[in-house]
């Protein structure tokens, strides 16, 4: 396992024990970076109008399209470190 992968997995684990729950925009950013790092570019159809949460998640993930998995991992780690410091 690479060092970056280990750091990413540690950041994912520590995201579950943040002192405060991040705001919705930050949660969507974390979700998008996690999915991009784990699964790559978004696939499938955008959820319909009635599924507002699914649609927001899809849009956030789609905004990271084309980002390399390593870059997504680094941004995720940096965002978690920032949240832990506040």
N, C-alpha and C. Protein backbone atom coordinates (compact mmCIF):
# COMPACT_ATOMS: atom_id res chain seq x y z
N UNK A 1 0.85 -1.18 0.00
CA UNK A 1 0.00 0.00 0.00
C UNK A 1 0.89 1.24 0.00
N UNK A 2 0.57 2.18 -0.83
CA UNK A 2 1.38 3.39 -0.91
C UNK A 2 1.17 4.26 0.32
N UNK A 3 2.12 5.15 0.53
CA UNK A 3 2.04 6.07 1.67
C UNK A 3 0.83 6.98 1.54
N UNK A 4 0.57 7.45 0.31
CA UNK A 4 -0.59 8.32 0.07
C UNK A 4 -1.88 7.58 0.38
N UNK A 5 -1.98 6.33 -0.05
CA UNK A 5 -3.18 5.53 0.23
C UNK A 5 -3.38 5.36 1.73
N UNK A 6 -2.30 5.11 2.45
CA UNK A 6 -2.38 4.96 3.91
C UNK A 6 -2.83 6.26 4.57
N UNK A 7 -2.30 7.38 4.11
CA UNK A 7 -2.70 8.68 4.65
C UNK A 7 -4.17 8.95 4.35
N UNK A 8 -4.61 8.59 3.15
CA UNK A 8 -6.00 8.78 2.75
C UNK A 8 -6.92 7.96 3.64
N UNK A 9 -6.59 6.71 3.85
CA UNK A 9 -7.41 5.85 4.70
C UNK A 9 -7.45 6.36 6.14
N UNK A 10 -6.32 6.89 6.63
CA UNK A 10 -6.29 7.47 7.97
C UNK A 10 -7.18 8.72 8.04
N UNK A 11 -7.16 9.52 6.98
CA UNK A 11 -8.01 10.72 6.95
C UNK A 11 -9.48 10.34 6.91
N UNK A 12 -9.82 9.30 6.16
CA UNK A 12 -11.21 8.82 6.11
C UNK A 12 -11.65 8.37 7.50
N UNK A 13 -10.78 7.65 8.19
CA UNK A 13 -11.12 7.19 9.54
C UNK A 13 -11.27 8.37 10.49
N UNK A 14 -10.39 9.36 10.39
CA UNK A 14 -10.47 10.50 11.31
C UNK A 14 -11.64 11.42 10.96
N UNK A 15 -12.16 11.33 9.75
CA UNK A 15 -13.31 12.17 9.38
C UNK A 15 -14.54 11.81 10.19
N UNK A 16 -14.56 10.60 10.70
CA UNK A 16 -15.72 10.15 11.48
C UNK A 16 -15.69 10.65 12.92
N UNK A 17 -14.57 11.25 13.32
CA UNK A 17 -14.46 11.71 14.71
C UNK A 17 -14.09 13.19 14.80
N UNK A 18 -14.56 13.98 13.84
CA UNK A 18 -14.32 15.42 13.90
C UNK A 18 -15.11 16.01 15.07
N UNK A 19 -14.54 17.07 15.65
CA UNK A 19 -15.22 17.70 16.80
C UNK A 19 -16.59 18.25 16.44
N UNK A 20 -16.67 18.91 15.28
CA UNK A 20 -17.94 19.48 14.84
C UNK A 20 -18.29 18.91 13.47
N UNK A 21 -19.57 18.80 13.22
CA UNK A 21 -20.04 18.34 11.91
C UNK A 21 -19.82 19.48 10.93
N UNK A 22 -19.14 19.21 9.81
CA UNK A 22 -18.93 20.26 8.80
C UNK A 22 -20.25 20.70 8.18
N UNK A 23 -20.24 21.89 7.59
CA UNK A 23 -21.44 22.37 6.90
C UNK A 23 -21.69 21.52 5.65
N UNK A 24 -22.86 21.67 5.08
CA UNK A 24 -23.26 20.83 3.95
C UNK A 24 -22.33 20.98 2.74
N UNK A 25 -21.86 22.19 2.47
CA UNK A 25 -20.97 22.40 1.32
C UNK A 25 -19.66 21.64 1.53
N UNK A 26 -19.14 21.64 2.75
CA UNK A 26 -17.91 20.93 3.04
C UNK A 26 -18.13 19.42 2.98
N UNK A 27 -19.27 18.97 3.47
CA UNK A 27 -19.59 17.55 3.39
C UNK A 27 -19.68 17.09 1.93
N UNK A 28 -20.27 17.90 1.08
CA UNK A 28 -20.35 17.56 -0.33
C UNK A 28 -18.95 17.51 -0.97
N UNK A 29 -18.09 18.43 -0.58
CA UNK A 29 -16.72 18.44 -1.10
C UNK A 29 -15.98 17.18 -0.66
N UNK A 30 -16.13 16.81 0.62
CA UNK A 30 -15.52 15.58 1.11
C UNK A 30 -16.05 14.36 0.36
N UNK A 31 -17.34 14.32 0.16
CA UNK A 31 -17.96 13.21 -0.57
C UNK A 31 -17.38 13.12 -1.99
N UNK A 32 -17.34 14.25 -2.67
CA UNK A 32 -16.87 14.27 -4.06
C UNK A 32 -15.42 13.82 -4.15
N UNK A 33 -14.58 14.32 -3.25
CA UNK A 33 -13.16 13.95 -3.27
C UNK A 33 -12.99 12.46 -2.95
N UNK A 34 -13.76 11.97 -1.98
CA UNK A 34 -13.69 10.55 -1.63
C UNK A 34 -14.08 9.68 -2.82
N UNK A 35 -15.20 10.01 -3.46
CA UNK A 35 -15.68 9.21 -4.59
C UNK A 35 -14.70 9.28 -5.76
N UNK A 36 -14.14 10.46 -6.02
CA UNK A 36 -13.20 10.59 -7.12
C UNK A 36 -11.94 9.77 -6.84
N UNK A 37 -11.48 9.80 -5.59
CA UNK A 37 -10.29 9.03 -5.22
C UNK A 37 -10.56 7.54 -5.26
N UNK A 38 -11.74 7.14 -4.86
CA UNK A 38 -12.08 5.71 -4.75
C UNK A 38 -12.58 5.09 -6.06
N UNK A 39 -13.45 5.82 -6.76
CA UNK A 39 -14.15 5.25 -7.91
C UNK A 39 -13.82 5.91 -9.25
N UNK A 40 -13.13 7.04 -9.23
CA UNK A 40 -12.85 7.74 -10.48
C UNK A 40 -14.00 8.64 -10.88
N UNK A 41 -14.06 8.96 -12.16
CA UNK A 41 -15.08 9.89 -12.66
C UNK A 41 -16.49 9.35 -12.45
N UNK A 42 -17.40 10.29 -12.23
CA UNK A 42 -18.80 9.95 -12.03
C UNK A 42 -19.35 9.28 -13.29
N UNK A 43 -20.22 8.32 -13.09
CA UNK A 43 -20.87 7.61 -14.19
C UNK A 43 -22.36 7.54 -13.90
N UNK A 44 -23.11 7.21 -14.91
CA UNK A 44 -24.54 7.04 -14.72
C UNK A 44 -25.30 8.33 -14.95
N UNK A 45 -26.58 8.23 -14.73
CA UNK A 45 -27.47 9.37 -14.95
C UNK A 45 -27.58 10.22 -13.70
N UNK A 46 -27.78 11.49 -13.92
CA UNK A 46 -27.99 12.43 -12.83
C UNK A 46 -29.37 12.13 -12.23
N UNK A 47 -29.44 12.05 -10.88
CA UNK A 47 -30.74 11.78 -10.25
C UNK A 47 -31.78 12.84 -10.62
N UNK A 48 -33.01 12.44 -10.56
CA UNK A 48 -34.11 13.33 -10.92
C UNK A 48 -34.33 14.45 -9.91
N UNK A 49 -35.20 15.36 -10.27
CA UNK A 49 -35.48 16.54 -9.46
C UNK A 49 -35.97 16.19 -8.06
N UNK A 50 -36.69 15.11 -7.91
CA UNK A 50 -37.25 14.73 -6.62
C UNK A 50 -36.18 14.25 -5.64
N UNK A 51 -35.04 13.79 -6.14
CA UNK A 51 -33.96 13.30 -5.28
C UNK A 51 -32.92 14.41 -5.11
N UNK A 52 -33.23 15.37 -4.26
CA UNK A 52 -32.38 16.55 -4.12
C UNK A 52 -31.01 16.21 -3.53
N UNK A 53 -30.95 15.30 -2.57
CA UNK A 53 -29.68 14.92 -1.95
C UNK A 53 -28.82 14.18 -2.97
N UNK A 54 -29.40 13.21 -3.65
CA UNK A 54 -28.67 12.47 -4.66
C UNK A 54 -28.17 13.37 -5.77
N UNK A 55 -28.97 14.33 -6.14
CA UNK A 55 -28.60 15.27 -7.19
C UNK A 55 -27.42 16.14 -6.75
N UNK A 56 -27.45 16.61 -5.50
CA UNK A 56 -26.36 17.44 -4.98
C UNK A 56 -25.06 16.63 -4.92
N UNK A 57 -25.16 15.39 -4.48
CA UNK A 57 -23.98 14.53 -4.43
C UNK A 57 -23.43 14.28 -5.83
N UNK A 58 -24.31 13.98 -6.76
CA UNK A 58 -23.89 13.74 -8.15
C UNK A 58 -23.19 14.97 -8.72
N UNK A 59 -23.78 16.14 -8.50
CA UNK A 59 -23.19 17.37 -9.04
C UNK A 59 -21.83 17.66 -8.42
N UNK A 60 -21.71 17.43 -7.12
CA UNK A 60 -20.42 17.66 -6.45
C UNK A 60 -19.36 16.72 -7.00
N UNK A 61 -19.71 15.46 -7.19
CA UNK A 61 -18.77 14.48 -7.72
C UNK A 61 -18.43 14.81 -9.17
N UNK A 62 -19.43 15.21 -9.96
CA UNK A 62 -19.20 15.56 -11.36
C UNK A 62 -18.25 16.75 -11.49
N UNK A 63 -18.22 17.63 -10.50
CA UNK A 63 -17.33 18.79 -10.54
C UNK A 63 -15.86 18.39 -10.44
N UNK A 64 -15.59 17.18 -9.97
CA UNK A 64 -14.21 16.71 -9.85
C UNK A 64 -13.79 15.85 -11.05
N UNK A 65 -14.64 15.77 -12.05
CA UNK A 65 -14.37 14.91 -13.21
C UNK A 65 -13.02 15.25 -13.83
N UNK A 66 -12.25 14.22 -14.11
CA UNK A 66 -10.94 14.40 -14.72
C UNK A 66 -9.81 14.54 -13.73
N UNK A 67 -10.14 14.71 -12.45
CA UNK A 67 -9.10 14.83 -11.42
C UNK A 67 -8.47 13.47 -11.18
N UNK A 68 -7.17 13.44 -11.08
CA UNK A 68 -6.47 12.19 -10.79
C UNK A 68 -6.80 11.72 -9.38
N UNK A 69 -6.81 10.41 -9.18
CA UNK A 69 -7.12 9.85 -7.87
C UNK A 69 -6.14 10.35 -6.82
N UNK A 70 -4.87 10.45 -7.16
CA UNK A 70 -3.87 10.93 -6.20
C UNK A 70 -4.14 12.37 -5.79
N UNK A 71 -4.55 13.21 -6.74
CA UNK A 71 -4.87 14.60 -6.42
C UNK A 71 -6.10 14.68 -5.51
N UNK A 72 -7.10 13.85 -5.79
CA UNK A 72 -8.30 13.82 -4.95
C UNK A 72 -7.95 13.38 -3.53
N UNK A 73 -7.09 12.38 -3.41
CA UNK A 73 -6.66 11.91 -2.09
C UNK A 73 -5.94 13.03 -1.34
N UNK A 74 -5.03 13.73 -2.01
CA UNK A 74 -4.29 14.80 -1.37
C UNK A 74 -5.21 15.92 -0.91
N UNK A 75 -6.17 16.30 -1.75
CA UNK A 75 -7.11 17.35 -1.37
C UNK A 75 -8.00 16.91 -0.21
N UNK A 76 -8.41 15.65 -0.21
CA UNK A 76 -9.23 15.11 0.88
C UNK A 76 -8.45 15.17 2.19
N UNK A 77 -7.20 14.70 2.16
CA UNK A 77 -6.35 14.71 3.36
C UNK A 77 -6.18 16.14 3.86
N UNK A 78 -5.90 17.07 2.96
CA UNK A 78 -5.69 18.47 3.36
C UNK A 78 -6.96 19.06 3.98
N UNK A 79 -8.12 18.74 3.42
CA UNK A 79 -9.38 19.27 3.95
C UNK A 79 -9.67 18.69 5.33
N UNK A 80 -9.42 17.42 5.52
CA UNK A 80 -9.63 16.81 6.84
C UNK A 80 -8.68 17.44 7.86
N UNK A 81 -7.43 17.63 7.49
CA UNK A 81 -6.46 18.26 8.41
C UNK A 81 -6.92 19.67 8.78
N UNK A 82 -7.45 20.41 7.83
CA UNK A 82 -7.95 21.75 8.09
C UNK A 82 -9.14 21.70 9.06
N UNK A 83 -10.03 20.74 8.83
CA UNK A 83 -11.21 20.61 9.71
C UNK A 83 -10.80 20.19 11.13
N UNK A 84 -9.78 19.35 11.23
CA UNK A 84 -9.32 18.91 12.56
C UNK A 84 -8.68 20.06 13.32
N UNK A 85 -8.10 21.03 12.60
CA UNK A 85 -7.40 22.14 13.24
C UNK A 85 -8.39 23.20 13.75
N UNK A 86 -9.62 23.19 13.25
CA UNK A 86 -10.57 24.21 13.69
C UNK A 86 -11.37 23.77 14.88
